[in-house]
Amino acid sequence: MGPVQSVIIDTLNVAFVGAYIDVTNESHMHSVPAGSESHFKVVLVSDSFAGKRLVQRHQLIYGLLAEQLAGPVHALALHTYTSEEWAEKNGNAPTSPNCLGGSKHD
């Protein structure tokens, strides 16, 4: 686990005490140098999302991770659920698609 991923996990753990949090570095699936920390998938299950629309949930996370998004993080795939929603999905978040190619080096 790299330092950027650690900061994301620590930040979310402080904001969402007791939540299920899974942060996966998916940079290797994109056209970036090996060892990059630029693309992440975040699965966050918290009952603090109850009554909040999807956009409100995402805005909350974007606000918490603003510094990382302004710097090393290029993309966040956010999957946010309440405990009930997570149970309905049998504890499974969607799989991220592979990169379709393209880079600023092409």
PDB file of N, CA and C in Angstrom:
ATOM      1  N   MET A   1       0.853  -1.175   0.000  1.00  0.00           N
ATOM      2  CA  MET A   1       0.000   0.000   0.000  1.00  0.00           C
ATOM      3  C   MET A   1       0.895   1.232   0.000  1.00  0.00           C
ATOM      4  N   GLY A   2       0.566   2.167  -0.885  1.00  0.00           N
ATOM      5  CA  GLY A   2       1.353   3.384  -0.994  1.00  0.00           C
ATOM      6  C   GLY A   2       0.851   4.484  -0.083  1.00  0.00           C
ATOM      7  N   PRO A   3       1.598   5.578  -0.021  1.00  0.00           N
ATOM      8  CA  PRO A   3       1.230   6.675   0.882  1.00  0.00           C
ATOM      9  C   PRO A   3      -0.086   7.365   0.530  1.00  0.00           C
ATOM     10  N   VAL A   4      -0.400   7.515  -0.750  1.00  0.00           N
ATOM     11  CA  VAL A   4      -1.652   8.174  -1.132  1.00  0.00           C
ATOM     12  C   VAL A   4      -2.842   7.319  -0.704  1.00  0.00           C
ATOM     13  N   GLN A   5      -2.762   6.022  -0.963  1.00  0.00           N
ATOM     14  CA  GLN A   5      -3.827   5.115  -0.561  1.00  0.00           C
ATOM     15  C   GLN A   5      -4.003   5.144   0.959  1.00  0.00           C
ATOM     16  N   SER A   6      -2.924   5.181   1.693  1.00  0.00           N
ATOM     17  CA  SER A   6      -2.984   5.233   3.160  1.00  0.00           C
ATOM     18  C   SER A   6      -3.690   6.494   3.644  1.00  0.00           C
ATOM     19  N   VAL A   7      -3.396   7.625   3.021  1.00  0.00           N
ATOM     20  CA  VAL A   7      -4.043   8.884   3.414  1.00  0.00           C
ATOM     21  C   VAL A   7      -5.540   8.821   3.131  1.00  0.00           C
ATOM     22  N   ILE A   8      -5.918   8.265   1.991  1.00  0.00           N
ATOM     23  CA  ILE A   8      -7.346   8.143   1.663  1.00  0.00           C
ATOM     24  C   ILE A   8      -8.050   7.290   2.704  1.00  0.00           C
ATOM     25  N   ILE A   9      -7.469   6.145   3.033  1.00  0.00           N
ATOM     26  CA  ILE A   9      -8.073   5.249   4.025  1.00  0.00           C
ATOM     27  C   ILE A   9      -8.166   5.931   5.381  1.00  0.00           C
ATOM     28  N   ASP A  10      -7.087   6.565   5.822  1.00  0.00           N
ATOM     29  CA  ASP A  10      -7.080   7.233   7.128  1.00  0.00           C
ATOM     30  C   ASP A  10      -8.122   8.350   7.185  1.00  0.00           C
ATOM     31  N   THR A  11      -8.210   9.138   6.126  1.00  0.00           N
ATOM     32  CA  THR A  11      -9.171  10.247   6.085  1.00  0.00           C
ATOM     33  C   THR A  11     -10.597   9.732   6.174  1.00  0.00           C
ATOM     34  N   LEU A  12     -10.898   8.690   5.426  1.00  0.00           N
ATOM     35  CA  LEU A  12     -12.258   8.134   5.438  1.00  0.00           C
ATOM     36  C   LEU A  12     -12.569   7.456   6.770  1.00  0.00           C
ATOM     37  N   ASN A  13     -11.583   6.792   7.367  1.00  0.00           N
ATOM     38  CA  ASN A  13     -11.803   6.150   8.669  1.00  0.00           C
ATOM     39  C   ASN A  13     -12.129   7.166   9.758  1.00  0.00           C
ATOM     40  N   VAL A  14     -11.519   8.331   9.697  1.00  0.00           N
ATOM     41  CA  VAL A  14     -11.798   9.380  10.688  1.00  0.00           C
ATOM     42  C   VAL A  14     -13.203   9.945  10.479  1.00  0.00           C
ATOM     43  N   ALA A  15     -13.587  10.139   9.226  1.00  0.00           N
ATOM     44  CA  ALA A  15     -14.888  10.737   8.920  1.00  0.00           C
ATOM     45  C   ALA A  15     -16.047   9.760   9.075  1.00  0.00           C
ATOM     46  N   PHE A  16     -15.778   8.485   8.846  1.00  0.00           N
ATOM     47  CA  PHE A  16     -16.834   7.469   8.867  1.00  0.00           C
ATOM     48  C   PHE A  16     -16.461   6.359   9.855  1.00  0.00           C
ATOM     49  N   VAL A  17     -16.458   6.692  11.115  1.00  0.00           N
ATOM     50  CA  VAL A  17     -16.082   5.746  12.167  1.00  0.00           C
ATOM     51  C   VAL A  17     -17.012   4.537  12.130  1.00  0.00           C
ATOM     52  N   GLY A  18     -16.433   3.358  12.125  1.00  0.00           N
ATOM     53  CA  GLY A  18     -17.200   2.118  12.151  1.00  0.00           C
ATOM     54  C   GLY A  18     -17.747   1.685  10.809  1.00  0.00           C
ATOM     55  N   ALA A  19     -17.451   2.417   9.758  1.00  0.00           N
ATOM     56  CA  ALA A  19     -17.953   2.078   8.422  1.00  0.00           C
ATOM     57  C   ALA A  19     -17.097   0.986   7.792  1.00  0.00           C
ATOM     58  N   TYR A  20     -17.679   0.301   6.821  1.00  0.00           N
ATOM     59  CA  TYR A  20     -16.901  -0.613   5.982  1.00  0.00           C
ATOM     60  C   TYR A  20     -16.266   0.241   4.893  1.00  0.00           C
ATOM     61  N   ILE A  21     -14.949   0.195   4.800  1.00  0.00           N
ATOM     62  CA  ILE A  21     -14.220   1.001   3.821  1.00  0.00           C
ATOM     63  C   ILE A  21     -13.228   0.101   3.105  1.00  0.00           C
ATOM     64  N   ASP A  22     -13.311   0.106   1.790  1.00  0.00           N
ATOM     65  CA  ASP A  22     -12.354  -0.639   0.973  1.00  0.00           C
ATOM     66  C   ASP A  22     -11.832   0.305  -0.104  1.00  0.00           C
ATOM     67  N   VAL A  23     -10.539   0.559  -0.083  1.00  0.00           N
ATOM     68  CA  VAL A  23      -9.906   1.444  -1.059  1.00  0.00           C
ATOM     69  C   VAL A  23      -8.910   0.623  -1.854  1.00  0.00           C
ATOM     70  N   THR A  24      -9.141   0.554  -3.172  1.00  0.00           N
ATOM     71  CA  THR A  24      -8.289  -0.244  -4.055  1.00  0.00           C
ATOM     72  C   THR A  24      -7.583   0.674  -5.043  1.00  0.00           C
ATOM     73  N   ASN A  25      -6.277   0.513  -5.137  1.00  0.00           N
ATOM     74  CA  ASN A  25      -5.509   1.258  -6.129  1.00  0.00           C
ATOM     75  C   ASN A  25      -5.677   0.547  -7.467  1.00  0.00           C
ATOM     76  N   GLU A  26      -6.352   1.194  -8.405  1.00  0.00           N
ATOM     77  CA  GLU A  26      -6.591   0.610  -9.719  1.00  0.00           C
ATOM     78  C   GLU A  26      -5.738   1.269 -10.805  1.00  0.00           C
ATOM     79  N   SER A  27      -4.701   1.943 -10.395  1.00  0.00           N
ATOM     80  CA  SER A  27      -3.845   2.650 -11.345  1.00  0.00           C
ATOM     81  C   SER A  27      -3.242   1.717 -12.385  1.00  0.00           C
ATOM     82  N   HIS A  28      -2.942   0.490 -11.977  1.00  0.00           N
ATOM     83  CA  HIS A  28      -2.326  -0.470 -12.906  1.00  0.00           C
ATOM     84  C   HIS A  28      -3.232  -0.794 -14.091  1.00  0.00           C
ATOM     85  N   MET A  29      -4.516  -0.459 -13.986  1.00  0.00           N
ATOM     86  CA  MET A  29      -5.477  -0.726 -15.064  1.00  0.00           C
ATOM     87  C   MET A  29      -5.513   0.409 -16.086  1.00  0.00           C
ATOM     88  N   HIS A  30      -4.665   1.404 -15.907  1.00  0.00           N
ATOM     89  CA  HIS A  30      -4.688   2.591 -16.751  1.00  0.00           C
ATOM     90  C   HIS A  30      -3.304   2.861 -17.337  1.00  0.00           C
ATOM     91  N   SER A  31      -3.238   3.782 -18.248  1.00  0.00           N
ATOM     92  CA  SER A  31      -1.996   4.118 -18.937  1.00  0.00           C
ATOM     93  C   SER A  31      -1.168   5.086 -18.086  1.00  0.00           C
ATOM     94  N   VAL A  32      -0.621   4.537 -17.013  1.00  0.00           N
ATOM     95  CA  VAL A  32       0.216   5.326 -16.110  1.00  0.00           C
ATOM     96  C   VAL A  32       1.463   4.506 -15.783  1.00  0.00           C
ATOM     97  N   PRO A  33       2.529   5.153 -15.321  1.00  0.00           N
ATOM     98  CA  PRO A  33       3.738   4.412 -14.966  1.00  0.00           C
ATOM     99  C   PRO A  33       3.488   3.414 -13.834  1.00  0.00           C
ATOM    100  N   ALA A  34       4.246   2.344 -13.825  1.00  0.00           N
ATOM    101  CA  ALA A  34       4.153   1.339 -12.762  1.00  0.00           C
ATOM    102  C   ALA A  34       4.356   2.012 -11.404  1.00  0.00           C
ATOM    103  N   GLY A  35       3.605   1.573 -10.420  1.00  0.00           N
ATOM    104  CA  GLY A  35       3.717   2.107  -9.069  1.00  0.00           C
ATOM    105  C   GLY A  35       2.932   3.394  -8.837  1.00  0.00           C
ATOM    106  N   SER A  36       2.164   3.831  -9.829  1.00  0.00           N
ATOM    107  CA  SER A  36       1.384   5.067  -9.694  1.00  0.00           C
ATOM    108  C   SER A  36       0.259   4.903  -8.673  1.00  0.00           C
ATOM    109  N   GLU A  37      -0.140   6.021  -8.093  1.00  0.00           N
ATOM    110  CA  GLU A  37      -1.293   6.070  -7.197  1.00  0.00           C
ATOM    111  C   GLU A  37      -2.193   7.194  -7.695  1.00  0.00           C
ATOM    112  N   SER A  38      -2.868   6.936  -8.793  1.00  0.00           N
ATOM    113  CA  SER A  38      -3.660   7.982  -9.428  1.00  0.00           C
ATOM    114  C   SER A  38      -5.128   7.617  -9.621  1.00  0.00           C
ATOM    115  N   HIS A  39      -5.456   6.342  -9.628  1.00  0.00           N
ATOM    116  CA  HIS A  39      -6.827   5.872  -9.863  1.00  0.00           C
ATOM    117  C   HIS A  39      -7.230   4.933  -8.727  1.00  0.00           C
ATOM    118  N   PHE A  40      -8.323   5.269  -8.048  1.00  0.00           N
ATOM    119  CA  PHE A  40      -8.752   4.464  -6.903  1.00  0.00           C
ATOM    120  C   PHE A  40     -10.235   4.125  -6.987  1.00  0.00           C
ATOM    121  N   LYS A  41     -10.552   2.966  -6.458  1.00  0.00           N
ATOM    122  CA  LYS A  41     -11.938   2.541  -6.275  1.00  0.00           C
ATOM    123  C   LYS A  41     -12.206   2.573  -4.770  1.00  0.00           C
ATOM    124  N   VAL A  42     -13.264   3.275  -4.383  1.00  0.00           N
ATOM    125  CA  VAL A  42     -13.632   3.386  -2.974  1.00  0.00           C
ATOM    126  C   VAL A  42     -15.017   2.783  -2.794  1.00  0.00           C
ATOM    127  N   VAL A  43     -15.092   1.780  -1.923  1.00  0.00           N
ATOM    128  CA  VAL A  43     -16.375   1.213  -1.513  1.00  0.00           C
ATOM    129  C   VAL A  43     -16.551   1.617  -0.052  1.00  0.00           C
ATOM    130  N   LEU A  44     -17.637   2.336   0.225  1.00  0.00           N
ATOM    131  CA  LEU A  44     -17.856   2.838   1.569  1.00  0.00           C
ATOM    132  C   LEU A  44     -19.296   2.548   1.972  1.00  0.00           C
ATOM    133  N   VAL A  45     -19.439   1.816   3.074  1.00  0.00           N
ATOM    134  CA  VAL A  45     -20.764   1.455   3.583  1.00  0.00           C
ATOM    135  C   VAL A  45     -20.934   2.126   4.942  1.00  0.00           C
ATOM    136  N   SER A  46     -21.878   3.052   5.012  1.00  0.00           N
ATOM    137  CA  SER A  46     -22.112   3.791   6.246  1.00  0.00           C
ATOM    138  C   SER A  46     -23.582   4.187   6.340  1.00  0.00           C
ATOM    139  N   ASP A  47     -24.157   4.020   7.504  1.00  0.00           N
ATOM    140  CA  ASP A  47     -25.544   4.428   7.682  1.00  0.00           C
ATOM    141  C   ASP A  47     -25.685   5.946   7.751  1.00  0.00           C
ATOM    142  N   SER A  48     -24.563   6.663   7.774  1.00  0.00           N
ATOM    143  CA  SER A  48     -24.643   8.126   7.694  1.00  0.00           C
ATOM    144  C   SER A  48     -25.095   8.576   6.300  1.00  0.00           C
ATOM    145  N   PHE A  49     -25.130   7.650   5.333  1.00  0.00           N
ATOM    146  CA  PHE A  49     -25.617   7.954   3.992  1.00  0.00           C
ATOM    147  C   PHE A  49     -27.151   7.878   3.895  1.00  0.00           C
ATOM    148  N   ALA A  50     -27.794   7.382   4.929  1.00  0.00           N
ATOM    149  CA  ALA A  50     -29.256   7.261   4.904  1.00  0.00           C
ATOM    150  C   ALA A  50     -29.891   8.619   4.642  1.00  0.00           C
ATOM    151  N   GLY A  51     -30.812   8.654   3.680  1.00  0.00           N
ATOM    152  CA  GLY A  51     -31.502   9.883   3.339  1.00  0.00           C
ATOM    153  C   GLY A  51     -30.728  10.821   2.431  1.00  0.00           C
ATOM    154  N   LYS A  52     -29.495  10.442   2.072  1.00  0.00           N
ATOM    155  CA  LYS A  52     -28.697  11.274   1.175  1.00  0.00           C
ATOM    156  C   LYS A  52     -28.730  10.694  -0.233  1.00  0.00           C
ATOM    157  N   ARG A  53     -28.894  11.586  -1.214  1.00  0.00           N
ATOM    158  CA  ARG A  53     -28.839  11.169  -2.612  1.00  0.00           C
ATOM    159  C   ARG A  53     -27.396  10.805  -2.964  1.00  0.00           C
ATOM    160  N   LEU A  54     -27.247  10.064  -4.037  1.00  0.00           N
ATOM    161  CA  LEU A  54     -25.927   9.624  -4.481  1.00  0.00           C
ATOM    162  C   LEU A  54     -24.977  10.799  -4.659  1.00  0.00           C
ATOM    163  N   VAL A  55     -25.441  11.865  -5.271  1.00  0.00           N
ATOM    164  CA  VAL A  55     -24.578  13.025  -5.500  1.00  0.00           C
ATOM    165  C   VAL A  55     -24.130  13.645  -4.172  1.00  0.00           C
ATOM    166  N   GLN A  56     -24.993  13.662  -3.176  1.00  0.00           N
ATOM    167  CA  GLN A  56     -24.619  14.198  -1.864  1.00  0.00           C
ATOM    168  C   GLN A  56     -23.541  13.335  -1.211  1.00  0.00           C
ATOM    169  N   ARG A  57     -23.658  12.038  -1.354  1.00  0.00           N
ATOM    170  CA  ARG A  57     -22.662  11.112  -0.800  1.00  0.00           C
ATOM    171  C   ARG A  57     -21.308  11.364  -1.454  1.00  0.00           C
ATOM    172  N   HIS A  58     -21.318  11.477  -2.769  1.00  0.00           N
ATOM    173  CA  HIS A  58     -20.073  11.681  -3.506  1.00  0.00           C
ATOM    174  C   HIS A  58     -19.453  13.037  -3.180  1.00  0.00           C
ATOM    175  N   GLN A  59     -20.281  14.070  -3.090  1.00  0.00           N
ATOM    176  CA  GLN A  59     -19.770  15.393  -2.744  1.00  0.00           C
ATOM    177  C   GLN A  59     -19.100  15.393  -1.380  1.00  0.00           C
ATOM    178  N   LEU A  60     -19.658  14.656  -0.440  1.00  0.00           N
ATOM    179  CA  LEU A  60     -19.070  14.550   0.888  1.00  0.00           C
ATOM    180  C   LEU A  60     -17.662  13.953   0.804  1.00  0.00           C
ATOM    181  N   ILE A  61     -17.518  12.887   0.044  1.00  0.00           N
ATOM    182  CA  ILE A  61     -16.217  12.239  -0.091  1.00  0.00           C
ATOM    183  C   ILE A  61     -15.243  13.132  -0.860  1.00  0.00           C
ATOM    184  N   TYR A  62     -15.713  13.757  -1.935  1.00  0.00           N
ATOM    185  CA  TYR A  62     -14.850  14.674  -2.684  1.00  0.00           C
ATOM    186  C   TYR A  62     -14.336  15.790  -1.783  1.00  0.00           C
ATOM    187  N   GLY A  63     -15.183  16.292  -0.912  1.00  0.00           N
ATOM    188  CA  GLY A  63     -14.764  17.336   0.017  1.00  0.00           C
ATOM    189  C   GLY A  63     -13.687  16.858   0.972  1.00  0.00           C
ATOM    190  N   LEU A  64     -13.846  15.654   1.469  1.00  0.00           N
ATOM    191  CA  LEU A  64     -12.863  15.091   2.400  1.00  0.00           C
ATOM    192  C   LEU A  64     -11.520  14.834   1.727  1.00  0.00           C
ATOM    193  N   LEU A  65     -11.565  14.497   0.446  1.00  0.00           N
ATOM    194  CA  LEU A  65     -10.338  14.125  -0.282  1.00  0.00           C
ATOM    195  C   LEU A  65      -9.903  15.211  -1.267  1.00  0.00           C
ATOM    196  N   ALA A  66     -10.334  16.440  -1.037  1.00  0.00           N
ATOM    197  CA  ALA A  66     -10.031  17.541  -1.962  1.00  0.00           C
ATOM    198  C   ALA A  66      -8.538  17.702  -2.208  1.00  0.00           C
ATOM    199  N   GLU A  67      -7.747  17.582  -1.181  1.00  0.00           N
ATOM    200  CA  GLU A  67      -6.296  17.756  -1.331  1.00  0.00           C
ATOM    201  C   GLU A  67      -5.696  16.681  -2.238  1.00  0.00           C
ATOM    202  N   GLN A  68      -6.130  15.440  -2.059  1.00  0.00           N
ATOM    203  CA  GLN A  68      -5.623  14.357  -2.895  1.00  0.00           C
ATOM    204  C   GLN A  68      -6.101  14.510  -4.337  1.00  0.00           C
ATOM    205  N   LEU A  69      -7.352  14.949  -4.517  1.00  0.00           N
ATOM    206  CA  LEU A  69      -7.902  15.143  -5.859  1.00  0.00           C
ATOM    207  C   LEU A  69      -7.241  16.313  -6.574  1.00  0.00           C
ATOM    208  N   ALA A  70      -6.736  17.269  -5.831  1.00  0.00           N
ATOM    209  CA  ALA A  70      -6.038  18.402  -6.430  1.00  0.00           C
ATOM    210  C   ALA A  70      -4.594  18.050  -6.755  1.00  0.00           C
ATOM    211  N   GLY A  71      -4.142  16.915  -6.250  1.00  0.00           N
ATOM    212  CA  GLY A  71      -2.753  16.526  -6.461  1.00  0.00           C
ATOM    213  C   GLY A  71      -2.616  15.213  -7.189  1.00  0.00           C
ATOM    214  N   PRO A  72      -2.251  14.160  -6.471  1.00  0.00           N
ATOM    215  CA  PRO A  72      -1.884  12.911  -7.144  1.00  0.00           C
ATOM    216  C   PRO A  72      -3.046  12.081  -7.677  1.00  0.00           C
ATOM    217  N   VAL A  73      -4.249  12.262  -7.159  1.00  0.00           N
ATOM    218  CA  VAL A  73      -5.371  11.402  -7.548  1.00  0.00           C
ATOM    219  C   VAL A  73      -6.068  11.978  -8.782  1.00  0.00           C
ATOM    220  N   HIS A  74      -6.105  11.186  -9.812  1.00  0.00           N
ATOM    221  CA  HIS A  74      -6.742  11.586 -11.072  1.00  0.00           C
ATOM    222  C   HIS A  74      -8.209  11.156 -11.107  1.00  0.00           C
ATOM    223  N   ALA A  75      -8.517   9.994 -10.509  1.00  0.00           N
ATOM    224  CA  ALA A  75      -9.886   9.471 -10.606  1.00  0.00           C
ATOM    225  C   ALA A  75     -10.256   8.652  -9.371  1.00  0.00           C
ATOM    226  N   LEU A  76     -11.513   8.822  -8.952  1.00  0.00           N
ATOM    227  CA  LEU A  76     -12.095   8.010  -7.874  1.00  0.00           C
ATOM    228  C   LEU A  76     -13.357   7.352  -8.417  1.00  0.00           C
ATOM    229  N   ALA A  77     -13.424   6.049  -8.322  1.00  0.00           N
ATOM    230  CA  ALA A  77     -14.666   5.323  -8.610  1.00  0.00           C
ATOM    231  C   ALA A  77     -15.330   5.129  -7.250  1.00  0.00           C
ATOM    232  N   LEU A  78     -16.441   5.821  -7.014  1.00  0.00           N
ATOM    233  CA  LEU A  78     -17.096   5.790  -5.704  1.00  0.00           C
ATOM    234  C   LEU A  78     -18.315   4.891  -5.725  1.00  0.00           C
ATOM    235  N   HIS A  79     -18.377   4.011  -4.735  1.00  0.00           N
ATOM    236  CA  HIS A  79     -19.515   3.119  -4.541  1.00  0.00           C
ATOM    237  C   HIS A  79     -19.915   3.280  -3.081  1.00  0.00           C
ATOM    238  N   THR A  80     -21.011   4.012  -2.852  1.00  0.00           N
ATOM    239  CA  THR A  80     -21.421   4.365  -1.496  1.00  0.00           C
ATOM    240  C   THR A  80     -22.788   3.753  -1.190  1.00  0.00           C
ATOM    241  N   TYR A  81     -22.884   3.139  -0.021  1.00  0.00           N
ATOM    242  CA  TYR A  81     -24.096   2.410   0.349  1.00  0.00           C
ATOM    243  C   TYR A  81     -24.416   2.590   1.828  1.00  0.00           C
ATOM    244  N   THR A  82     -25.679   2.453   2.160  1.00  0.00           N
ATOM    245  CA  THR A  82     -26.070   2.251   3.556  1.00  0.00           C
ATOM    246  C   THR A  82     -25.918   0.750   3.822  1.00  0.00           C
ATOM    247  N   SER A  83     -26.024   0.348   5.068  1.00  0.00           N
ATOM    248  CA  SER A  83     -25.924  -1.085   5.402  1.00  0.00           C
ATOM    249  C   SER A  83     -27.001  -1.890   4.682  1.00  0.00           C
ATOM    250  N   GLU A  84     -28.210  -1.330   4.621  1.00  0.00           N
ATOM    251  CA  GLU A  84     -29.322  -2.018   3.957  1.00  0.00           C
ATOM    252  C   GLU A  84     -29.063  -2.173   2.458  1.00  0.00           C
ATOM    253  N   GLU A  85     -28.585  -1.111   1.823  1.00  0.00           N
ATOM    254  CA  GLU A  85     -28.268  -1.178   0.383  1.00  0.00           C
ATOM    255  C   GLU A  85     -27.166  -2.189   0.106  1.00  0.00           C
ATOM    256  N   TRP A  86     -26.173  -2.221   0.987  1.00  0.00           N
ATOM    257  CA  TRP A  86     -25.051  -3.148   0.842  1.00  0.00           C
ATOM    258  C   TRP A  86     -25.533  -4.592   0.962  1.00  0.00           C
ATOM    259  N   ALA A  87     -26.432  -4.838   1.900  1.00  0.00           N
ATOM    260  CA  ALA A  87     -26.995  -6.181   2.072  1.00  0.00           C
ATOM    261  C   ALA A  87     -27.776  -6.595   0.829  1.00  0.00           C
ATOM    262  N   GLU A  88     -28.510  -5.655   0.244  1.00  0.00           N
ATOM    263  CA  GLU A  88     -29.272  -5.946  -0.981  1.00  0.00           C
ATOM    264  C   GLU A  88     -28.354  -6.322  -2.140  1.00  0.00           C
ATOM    265  N   LYS A  89     -27.131  -5.820  -2.113  1.00  0.00           N
ATOM    266  CA  LYS A  89     -26.151  -6.130  -3.152  1.00  0.00           C
ATOM    267  C   LYS A  89     -25.287  -7.341  -2.765  1.00  0.00           C
ATOM    268  N   ASN A  90     -25.647  -7.987  -1.659  1.00  0.00           N
ATOM    269  CA  ASN A  90     -24.904  -9.146  -1.152  1.00  0.00           C
ATOM    270  C   ASN A  90     -23.430  -8.835  -0.923  1.00  0.00           C
ATOM    271  N   GLY A  91     -23.142  -7.608  -0.533  1.00  0.00           N
ATOM    272  CA  GLY A  91     -21.771  -7.219  -0.233  1.00  0.00           C
ATOM    273  C   GLY A  91     -20.870  -7.161  -1.445  1.00  0.00           C
ATOM    274  N   ASN A  92     -21.425  -6.846  -2.592  1.00  0.00           N
ATOM    275  CA  ASN A  92     -20.637  -6.790  -3.823  1.00  0.00           C
ATOM    276  C   ASN A  92     -20.776  -5.434  -4.497  1.00  0.00           C
ATOM    277  N   ALA A  93     -19.648  -4.818  -4.786  1.00  0.00           N
ATOM    278  CA  ALA A  93     -19.624  -3.582  -5.564  1.00  0.00           C
ATOM    279  C   ALA A  93     -19.300  -3.927  -7.006  1.00  0.00           C
ATOM    280  N   PRO A  94     -19.693  -3.080  -7.937  1.00  0.00           N
ATOM    281  CA  PRO A  94     -19.388  -3.346  -9.352  1.00  0.00           C
ATOM    282  C   PRO A  94     -17.880  -3.431  -9.596  1.00  0.00           C
ATOM    283  N   THR A  95     -17.527  -4.230 -10.567  1.00  0.00           N
ATOM    284  CA  THR A  95     -16.128  -4.334 -10.980  1.00  0.00           C
ATOM    285  C   THR A  95     -15.820  -3.182 -11.914  1.00  0.00           C
ATOM    286  N   SER A  96     -14.662  -2.588 -11.741  1.00  0.00           N
ATOM    287  CA  SER A  96     -14.268  -1.484 -12.615  1.00  0.00           C
ATOM    288  C   SER A  96     -13.843  -2.022 -13.971  1.00  0.00           C
ATOM    289  N   PRO A  97     -14.190  -1.300 -15.038  1.00  0.00           N
ATOM    290  CA  PRO A  97     -13.783  -1.734 -16.373  1.00  0.00           C
ATOM    291  C   PRO A  97     -12.296  -1.475 -16.590  1.00  0.00           C
ATOM    292  N   ASN A  98     -11.705  -2.211 -17.496  1.00  0.00           N
ATOM    293  CA  ASN A  98     -10.331  -1.953 -17.876  1.00  0.00           C
ATOM    294  C   ASN A  98     -10.264  -0.659 -18.651  1.00  0.00           C
ATOM    295  N   CYS A  99      -9.116  -0.023 -18.605  1.00  0.00           N
ATOM    296  CA  CYS A  99      -8.890   1.199 -19.353  1.00  0.00           C
ATOM    297  C   CYS A  99      -9.025   0.908 -20.844  1.00  0.00           C
ATOM    298  N   LEU A 100      -9.654   1.821 -21.559  1.00  0.00           N
ATOM    299  CA  LEU A 100      -9.825   1.639 -22.992  1.00  0.00           C
ATOM    300  C   LEU A 100      -8.650   2.182 -23.784  1.00  0.00           C
ATOM    301  N   GLY A 101      -7.625   2.591 -23.077  1.00  0.00           N
ATOM    302  CA  GLY A 101      -6.427   3.095 -23.752  1.00  0.00           C
ATOM    303  C   GLY A 101      -6.372   4.597 -23.746  1.00  0.00           C
ATOM    304  N   GLY A 102      -5.396   5.073 -24.441  1.00  0.00           N
ATOM    305  CA  GLY A 102      -5.200   6.520 -24.501  1.00  0.00           C
ATOM    306  C   GLY A 102      -4.385   7.020 -23.345  1.00  0.00           C
ATOM    307  N   SER A 103      -3.486   7.878 -23.651  1.00  0.00           N
ATOM    308  CA  SER A 103      -2.696   8.530 -22.617  1.00  0.00           C
ATOM    309  C   SER A 103      -2.113   9.789 -23.213  1.00  0.00           C
ATOM    310  N   LYS A 104      -1.606  10.645 -22.364  1.00  0.00           N
ATOM    311  CA  LYS A 104      -1.015  11.856 -22.876  1.00  0.00           C
ATOM    312  C   LYS A 104       0.308  11.583 -23.582  1.00  0.00           C
ATOM    313  N   HIS A 105       0.773  10.319 -23.506  1.00  0.00           N
ATOM    314  CA  HIS A 105       2.015   9.942 -24.178  1.00  0.00           C
ATOM    315  C   HIS A 105       1.770   9.447 -25.593  1.00  0.00           C
ATOM    316  N   ASP A 106       0.501   9.241 -25.975  1.00  0.00           N
ATOM    317  CA  ASP A 106       0.187   8.731 -27.322  1.00  0.00           C
ATOM    318  C   ASP A 106       0.243   9.834 -28.355  1.00  0.00           C
TER     319      ASP A 106
END
